[in-house]
């Protein structure tokens, strides 16, 4: 049985270029990292067989720990200290639904493979895996886990990088194929997105303050637009994957040609301000571009609503104080690990993964080497 696992490992050459950096910070969306959890044929088999269900969860936990162990070893090999920021959610976002009740409505259960009860059970299994992994991994120094019940966690890398202290010489790797997360690349010069592209295979996308918009499918050329403009594209042209309805008749290519008429350096980090820049400074070169600009002006309310759905900066600044508190609680940890603590951890891992041979060498060595953590991570 194939269990859910993080399939996108960093190549050694990717990490080698950061040799000697004080920290390499990995941001990992655990849900997107477990693609087989969304294979409905497999889930139907698992939810109807209790023994298979347990085995599946055990193997999934093993594979997730194996991923962490590999990257700890690789990072330490090149004389850097690893940190891991895991984030997950229940798949429901009251923040977005308050803005648009139809947000992600196209993702509601409509399967002919799973019954409604099987679908609900599969969601319970996903959450069981996430919470079990959180319980294990937060015992390891430098591993932080944020699980939010009523808000999507895609914005977490943006929030952490915007609100916590990091030195300029650290490196940051975001593991996700989600195009929305690429908007984080504009925050610092040392942020990279590790993704698998249908044409180019495994890619470490650099933070050169520009983004290859082939990630938006309709575009094939590499542009020099700032990465944080992704919400502008999504808000005007729409995003079918999240059921965000853009302006009918406006596509990414046409919109890109209009955005190119504005000097690259005119753009700011605030996409609501960027929308005003677009309306005030765009210089349409064709009648088609003129029409697009007029359509944006005529549908300004729709575009602004979509920006509130897609822009991480807006979300980071408007989430509730309760959510902010939950995020910051994830970093209030101390590590006082005795030999007994480590033995108990190893025993616990063997039990949960249903594998008496489970022993993650690099994780254990990191737990023993607490001198690596003389400079703990701190939030503002």
Protein backbone atom coordinates (compact mmCIF):
# COMPACT_ATOMS: atom_id res chain seq x y z
CA UNK A 1 0.00 0.00 0.00
CA UNK A 2 1.35 3.42 -0.95
CA UNK A 3 1.05 5.85 1.92
CA UNK A 4 0.83 9.63 1.74
CA UNK A 5 4.26 11.21 1.67
CA UNK A 6 6.22 14.30 0.72
CA UNK A 7 7.50 13.32 -2.70
CA UNK A 8 9.46 16.47 -3.53
CA UNK A 9 12.86 16.14 -1.91
CA UNK A 10 15.46 18.86 -2.38
CA UNK A 11 18.46 17.83 -4.47
CA UNK A 12 21.85 18.03 -2.83
CA UNK A 13 22.93 20.66 -5.36
CA UNK A 14 20.01 22.85 -4.26
CA UNK A 15 21.14 22.86 -0.64
CA UNK A 16 24.86 23.02 -1.41
CA UNK A 17 24.50 26.56 -2.77
CA UNK A 18 23.49 27.69 0.74
CA UNK A 19 26.53 26.14 2.43
CA UNK A 20 27.53 28.00 5.56
CA UNK A 21 24.29 29.93 5.96
CA UNK A 22 23.43 30.07 9.68
CA UNK A 23 19.93 28.68 9.05
CA UNK A 24 18.00 27.10 6.20
CA UNK A 25 14.29 27.48 6.87
CA UNK A 26 11.85 25.03 5.28
CA UNK A 27 8.16 25.97 4.98
CA UNK A 28 6.02 22.90 4.30
CA UNK A 29 2.29 22.69 3.61
CA UNK A 30 1.68 19.21 5.02
CA UNK A 31 -1.66 18.74 3.27
CA UNK A 32 -0.33 19.44 -0.19
CA UNK A 33 2.65 17.28 0.65
CA UNK A 34 0.42 14.21 0.97
CA UNK A 35 -1.07 13.91 -2.54
CA UNK A 36 -2.24 10.33 -2.21
CA UNK A 37 -4.68 11.47 0.47
CA UNK A 38 -6.74 12.89 -2.37
CA UNK A 39 -6.84 9.72 -4.43
CA UNK A 40 -10.50 8.80 -4.02
CA UNK A 41 -10.10 5.16 -5.06
CA UNK A 42 -7.48 4.64 -2.37
CA UNK A 43 -9.50 6.50 0.24
CA UNK A 44 -12.57 4.36 -0.50
CA UNK A 45 -10.52 1.25 0.18
CA UNK A 46 -8.98 2.63 3.35
CA UNK A 47 -12.07 4.02 5.04
CA UNK A 48 -13.86 0.68 4.66
CA UNK A 49 -11.04 -1.43 6.12
CA UNK A 50 -9.95 -0.61 9.66
CA UNK A 51 -6.67 -2.53 9.51
CA UNK A 52 -5.71 -0.90 6.19
CA UNK A 53 -6.63 2.47 7.62
CA UNK A 54 -4.25 2.07 10.57
CA UNK A 55 -1.47 0.78 8.34
CA UNK A 56 -1.91 3.68 5.96
CA UNK A 57 -1.66 6.25 8.75
CA UNK A 58 1.42 4.52 10.19
CA UNK A 59 3.22 4.48 6.83
CA UNK A 60 2.27 8.10 6.20
CA UNK A 61 3.81 9.18 9.50
CA UNK A 62 6.92 7.17 8.71
CA UNK A 63 7.32 8.84 5.31
CA UNK A 64 6.81 12.32 6.72
CA UNK A 65 9.49 11.73 9.35
CA UNK A 66 11.78 10.26 6.70
CA UNK A 67 11.44 13.50 4.72
CA UNK A 68 12.39 15.60 7.75
CA UNK A 69 15.28 13.30 8.64
CA UNK A 70 16.71 13.54 5.10
CA UNK A 71 16.65 17.33 5.04
CA UNK A 72 18.14 17.64 8.52
CA UNK A 73 21.08 15.48 7.43
CA UNK A 74 21.51 17.35 4.16
CA UNK A 75 21.37 20.76 5.84
CA UNK A 76 23.85 19.86 8.57
CA UNK A 77 26.18 18.39 5.94
CA UNK A 78 26.57 21.84 4.45
CA UNK A 79 27.19 23.48 7.81
CA UNK A 80 23.79 25.10 8.22
CA UNK A 81 21.15 24.59 10.88
CA UNK A 82 17.69 23.50 9.72
CA UNK A 83 14.36 24.89 10.84
CA UNK A 84 11.01 23.51 9.71
CA UNK A 85 7.75 25.43 9.68
CA UNK A 86 4.89 23.02 9.03
CA UNK A 87 1.42 24.38 8.42
CA UNK A 88 -1.94 22.69 7.86
CA UNK A 89 -5.66 23.32 8.19
CA UNK A 90 -9.01 21.57 7.98
CA UNK A 91 -9.73 22.83 4.47
CA UNK A 92 -12.32 25.36 5.67
CA UNK A 93 -11.66 29.09 5.82
CA UNK A 94 -14.23 31.26 7.56
CA UNK A 95 -12.07 34.28 6.71
CA UNK A 96 -12.62 33.70 2.99
CA UNK A 97 -16.24 32.59 3.29
CA UNK A 98 -17.11 35.83 5.06
CA UNK A 99 -15.80 37.67 2.01
CA UNK A 100 -17.39 35.33 -0.55
CA UNK A 101 -19.79 32.54 0.43
CA UNK A 102 -19.00 30.74 -2.84
CA UNK A 103 -15.27 30.60 -2.22
CA UNK A 104 -14.05 27.12 -3.24
CA UNK A 105 -17.65 26.01 -3.70
CA UNK A 106 -16.45 23.97 -6.69
CA UNK A 107 -14.47 21.76 -4.29
CA UNK A 108 -17.47 20.50 -2.36
CA UNK A 109 -17.95 16.76 -2.37
CA UNK A 110 -19.40 15.68 -5.69
CA UNK A 111 -17.70 12.33 -6.14
CA UNK A 112 -19.25 9.27 -7.70
CA UNK A 113 -16.55 7.16 -6.03
CA UNK A 114 -17.02 8.14 -2.38
CA UNK A 115 -20.32 8.26 -0.59
CA UNK A 116 -20.99 11.25 1.64
CA UNK A 117 -20.12 9.24 4.77
CA UNK A 118 -16.91 7.92 3.17
CA UNK A 119 -15.95 11.45 2.17
CA UNK A 120 -16.41 12.70 5.75
CA UNK A 121 -14.41 9.77 7.07
CA UNK A 122 -11.56 10.53 4.66
CA UNK A 123 -11.43 14.09 6.02
CA UNK A 124 -11.25 12.73 9.56
CA UNK A 125 -8.33 10.51 8.55
CA UNK A 126 -6.48 13.45 7.02
CA UNK A 127 -6.83 15.45 10.22
CA UNK A 128 -5.79 12.45 12.32
CA UNK A 129 -2.55 12.21 10.34
CA UNK A 130 -1.84 15.92 10.63
CA UNK A 131 -2.38 16.06 14.39
CA UNK A 132 -0.39 12.87 14.98
CA UNK A 133 2.52 14.27 12.97
CA UNK A 134 2.30 17.55 14.89
CA UNK A 135 2.50 15.66 18.18
CA UNK A 136 5.70 13.93 17.05
CA UNK A 137 7.54 16.59 15.14
CA UNK A 138 7.18 19.41 17.67
CA UNK A 139 9.40 17.37 20.01
CA UNK A 140 12.31 17.97 17.63
CA UNK A 141 14.32 21.21 18.13
CA UNK A 142 13.64 23.75 15.41
CA UNK A 143 10.43 22.10 14.18
CA UNK A 144 7.34 24.26 14.51
CA UNK A 145 3.79 23.30 13.55
CA UNK A 146 0.81 25.58 12.95
CA UNK A 147 -2.58 23.92 12.54
CA UNK A 148 -5.57 26.25 12.17
CA UNK A 149 -9.12 24.97 12.35
CA UNK A 150 -11.06 27.73 10.59
CA UNK A 151 -8.55 29.53 8.40
CA UNK A 152 -6.53 28.30 5.42
CA UNK A 153 -2.83 28.34 6.21
CA UNK A 154 -1.42 29.23 2.77
CA UNK A 155 -0.58 32.69 4.11
CA UNK A 156 1.57 31.33 6.96
CA UNK A 157 4.98 31.68 5.21
CA UNK A 158 4.08 35.28 4.31
CA UNK A 159 2.95 36.04 7.86
CA UNK A 160 6.01 34.50 9.52
CA UNK A 161 8.50 36.17 7.17
CA UNK A 162 6.75 39.51 7.64
CA UNK A 163 6.35 39.42 11.41
CA UNK A 164 9.28 37.47 12.88
CA UNK A 165 12.99 38.14 13.19
CA UNK A 166 15.29 36.54 10.63
CA UNK A 167 18.80 37.61 9.71
CA UNK A 168 19.55 38.65 6.13
CA UNK A 169 21.97 35.77 5.58
CA UNK A 170 19.43 32.98 6.19
CA UNK A 171 17.88 30.94 3.35
CA UNK A 172 14.19 30.08 3.00
CA UNK A 173 12.69 27.23 0.96
CA UNK A 174 8.91 26.96 0.50
CA UNK A 175 7.82 23.47 -0.54
CA UNK A 176 4.61 23.87 -2.53
CA UNK A 177 3.26 23.68 -6.06
CA UNK A 178 0.65 26.31 -5.17
CA UNK A 179 1.01 29.34 -7.43
CA UNK A 180 -0.48 31.59 -4.71
CA UNK A 181 2.52 30.92 -2.46
CA UNK A 182 4.92 32.36 -5.03
CA UNK A 183 3.84 35.86 -3.99
CA UNK A 184 6.01 35.31 -0.89
CA UNK A 185 9.12 35.45 -3.11
CA UNK A 186 9.05 39.24 -3.12
CA UNK A 187 9.62 39.52 0.62
CA UNK A 188 13.35 38.71 0.70
CA UNK A 189 16.16 38.02 -1.74
CA UNK A 190 16.92 34.60 -0.28
CA UNK A 191 13.48 32.94 -0.59
CA UNK A 192 12.98 30.02 -2.97
CA UNK A 193 9.98 27.92 -3.93
CA UNK A 194 10.58 24.22 -4.45
CA UNK A 195 8.04 22.87 -6.92
CA UNK A 196 7.52 20.28 -9.61
CA UNK A 197 6.65 21.74 -13.00
CA UNK A 198 4.94 19.73 -15.73
CA UNK A 199 7.57 20.81 -18.29
CA UNK A 200 10.75 21.44 -16.33
CA UNK A 201 10.55 18.81 -13.60
CA UNK A 202 11.83 19.75 -10.14
CA UNK A 203 12.49 23.48 -9.89
CA UNK A 204 13.90 25.72 -7.17
CA UNK A 205 12.29 29.01 -8.10
CA UNK A 206 14.50 31.94 -7.00
CA UNK A 207 13.37 35.14 -5.33
CA UNK A 208 14.67 37.65 -7.85
CA UNK A 209 11.55 39.77 -7.30
CA UNK A 210 10.14 38.44 -10.55
CA UNK A 211 8.13 35.34 -11.34
CA UNK A 212 7.86 32.98 -14.31
CA UNK A 213 4.19 33.30 -15.10
CA UNK A 214 4.05 29.93 -16.84
CA UNK A 215 2.92 28.94 -13.35
CA UNK A 216 -0.35 30.62 -14.27
CA UNK A 217 -0.77 28.07 -17.10
CA UNK A 218 -2.01 30.51 -19.75
CA UNK A 219 1.34 32.26 -19.94
CA UNK A 220 4.48 30.62 -21.28
CA UNK A 221 6.99 33.47 -21.24
CA UNK A 222 9.09 34.50 -18.27
CA UNK A 223 8.10 37.97 -17.18
CA UNK A 224 9.77 40.57 -15.07
CA UNK A 225 6.71 41.45 -13.03
CA UNK A 226 7.17 41.36 -9.23
CA UNK A 227 6.08 38.07 -7.69
CA UNK A 228 3.66 39.74 -5.29
CA UNK A 229 1.52 40.82 -8.26
CA UNK A 230 0.07 37.31 -8.46
CA UNK A 231 -3.07 38.48 -6.58
CA UNK A 232 -3.56 41.19 -9.22
CA UNK A 233 -3.59 38.55 -11.95
CA UNK A 234 -5.88 36.24 -10.00
CA UNK A 235 -8.24 39.01 -8.93
CA UNK A 236 -8.79 40.37 -12.42
CA UNK A 237 -8.56 37.21 -14.55
CA UNK A 238 -9.92 34.86 -11.88
CA UNK A 239 -8.77 31.55 -10.43
CA UNK A 240 -10.97 28.59 -11.30
CA UNK A 241 -9.20 26.29 -8.81
CA UNK A 242 -10.57 28.38 -5.91
CA UNK A 243 -13.82 29.33 -7.67
CA UNK A 244 -12.76 32.98 -7.85
CA UNK A 245 -14.73 34.55 -10.65
CA UNK A 246 -12.71 37.15 -12.53
CA UNK A 247 -13.84 39.58 -15.21
CA UNK A 248 -15.40 37.65 -18.07
CA UNK A 249 -13.29 37.86 -21.21
CA UNK A 250 -10.06 38.92 -19.46
CA UNK A 251 -7.23 36.37 -19.62
CA UNK A 252 -3.74 36.29 -18.16
CA UNK A 253 -1.98 37.03 -21.46
CA UNK A 254 -4.05 40.11 -22.27
CA UNK A 255 -3.76 41.36 -18.72
CA UNK A 256 -0.02 40.80 -18.77
CA UNK A 257 0.35 42.93 -21.88
CA UNK A 258 -1.51 45.72 -20.07
CA UNK A 259 0.57 45.43 -16.89
CA UNK A 260 3.76 45.62 -18.93
CA UNK A 261 2.89 49.21 -19.86
CA UNK A 262 3.65 50.25 -16.27
CA UNK A 263 7.25 50.65 -15.19
CA UNK A 264 8.41 47.68 -13.12
CA UNK A 265 9.59 50.06 -10.39
CA UNK A 266 6.15 51.69 -10.05
CA UNK A 267 4.76 48.62 -8.30
CA UNK A 268 4.56 48.58 -4.50
CA UNK A 269 4.11 45.78 -1.97
CA UNK A 270 0.46 46.77 -1.51
CA UNK A 271 -1.76 45.31 -4.22
CA UNK A 272 -4.68 47.62 -3.45
CA UNK A 273 -2.30 50.47 -4.19
CA UNK A 274 -1.08 48.55 -7.26
CA UNK A 275 -4.65 48.40 -8.51
CA UNK A 276 -4.79 52.20 -8.38
CA UNK A 277 -1.43 52.39 -10.15
CA UNK A 278 -2.82 50.15 -12.89
CA UNK A 279 -5.92 52.29 -13.34
CA UNK A 280 -4.00 55.59 -13.27
CA UNK A 281 -0.75 54.80 -15.10
CA UNK A 282 -1.48 52.03 -17.61
CA UNK A 283 -0.94 53.09 -21.21
CA UNK A 284 -2.92 50.72 -23.42
CA UNK A 285 -1.21 50.09 -26.76
CA UNK A 286 -4.16 48.41 -28.46
CA UNK A 287 -7.92 48.74 -28.53
CA UNK A 288 -8.10 45.38 -26.78
CA UNK A 289 -5.99 46.72 -23.90
CA UNK A 290 -8.15 49.82 -23.72
CA UNK A 291 -11.21 47.61 -23.39
CA UNK A 292 -9.58 45.55 -20.65
CA UNK A 293 -8.71 48.69 -18.68
CA UNK A 294 -12.31 49.89 -19.00
CA UNK A 295 -13.62 46.50 -17.85
CA UNK A 296 -11.41 46.71 -14.76
CA UNK A 297 -12.77 50.15 -13.96
CA UNK A 298 -16.33 48.94 -14.47
CA UNK A 299 -15.79 45.90 -12.23
CA UNK A 300 -13.67 47.52 -9.54
CA UNK A 301 -15.80 46.15 -6.70
CA UNK A 302 -15.35 42.57 -7.93
CA UNK A 303 -11.59 42.99 -8.29
CA UNK A 304 -11.23 44.48 -4.81
CA UNK A 305 -13.25 41.60 -3.33
CA UNK A 306 -11.02 39.10 -5.12
CA UNK A 307 -7.92 40.85 -3.80
CA UNK A 308 -9.20 40.31 -0.27
CA UNK A 309 -9.46 36.60 -1.12
CA UNK A 310 -6.03 36.19 -2.73
CA UNK A 311 -3.61 38.72 -1.24
CA UNK A 312 -1.50 37.33 1.62
CA UNK A 313 -0.51 40.80 2.80
CA UNK A 314 -4.17 41.73 3.25
CA UNK A 315 -4.95 38.47 5.02
CA UNK A 316 -1.93 38.74 7.32
CA UNK A 317 -3.07 42.19 8.39
CA UNK A 318 -6.77 41.33 8.83
CA UNK A 319 -6.89 37.93 10.51
CA UNK A 320 -8.42 37.90 13.98
CA UNK A 321 -6.39 38.37 17.15
CA UNK A 322 -7.33 34.79 18.11
CA UNK A 323 -5.64 33.43 14.98
CA UNK A 324 -2.60 35.63 15.59
CA UNK A 325 -2.38 34.24 19.12
CA UNK A 326 -2.64 30.65 17.84
CA UNK A 327 0.21 31.28 15.39
CA UNK A 328 2.50 32.78 18.01
CA UNK A 329 1.79 29.97 20.47
CA UNK A 330 3.46 27.56 18.04
CA UNK A 331 6.83 29.21 18.73
CA UNK A 332 6.66 29.27 22.52
CA UNK A 333 8.62 26.07 22.96
CA UNK A 334 11.71 25.14 24.93
CA UNK A 335 13.93 22.12 24.47
CA UNK A 336 15.29 20.45 27.58
CA UNK A 337 16.05 17.02 26.22
CA UNK A 338 17.59 14.34 28.38
CA UNK A 339 18.73 10.94 27.16
CA UNK A 340 15.53 9.55 28.62
CA UNK A 341 13.45 12.05 26.61
CA UNK A 342 15.15 10.97 23.42
CA UNK A 343 14.68 7.26 24.16
CA UNK A 344 11.00 7.89 24.84
CA UNK A 345 10.75 9.78 21.54
CA UNK A 346 12.29 6.88 19.61
CA UNK A 347 9.96 4.41 21.31
CA UNK A 348 6.95 6.61 20.61
CA UNK A 349 7.88 6.90 16.92
CA UNK A 350 8.23 3.13 16.58
CA UNK A 351 4.80 2.67 18.12
CA UNK A 352 3.01 5.25 15.99
CA UNK A 353 4.65 4.20 12.74
CA UNK A 354 4.06 0.52 13.54
CA UNK A 355 7.71 -0.15 12.71
CA UNK A 356 10.13 -1.61 15.27
CA UNK A 357 13.05 -0.65 13.01
CA UNK A 358 12.05 2.99 12.72
CA UNK A 359 15.04 5.07 13.77
CA UNK A 360 15.68 8.47 12.25
CA UNK A 361 19.37 9.06 12.79
CA UNK A 362 19.54 12.75 11.85
CA UNK A 363 16.51 13.68 13.94
CA UNK A 364 17.98 11.94 16.97
CA UNK A 365 21.40 13.55 16.44
CA UNK A 366 19.75 16.97 16.24
CA UNK A 367 17.89 16.28 19.49
CA UNK A 368 21.20 15.37 21.13
CA UNK A 369 23.01 18.43 19.77
CA UNK A 370 21.15 21.13 21.64
CA UNK A 371 24.21 23.36 21.41
CA UNK A 372 23.03 24.08 17.86
CA UNK A 373 20.11 25.97 19.37
CA UNK A 374 21.92 28.53 21.49
CA UNK A 375 20.25 31.17 19.33
CA UNK A 376 16.56 30.20 19.47
CA UNK A 377 14.04 31.45 16.98
CA UNK A 378 12.03 34.31 18.41
CA UNK A 379 9.03 36.24 17.21
CA UNK A 380 8.56 39.94 17.57
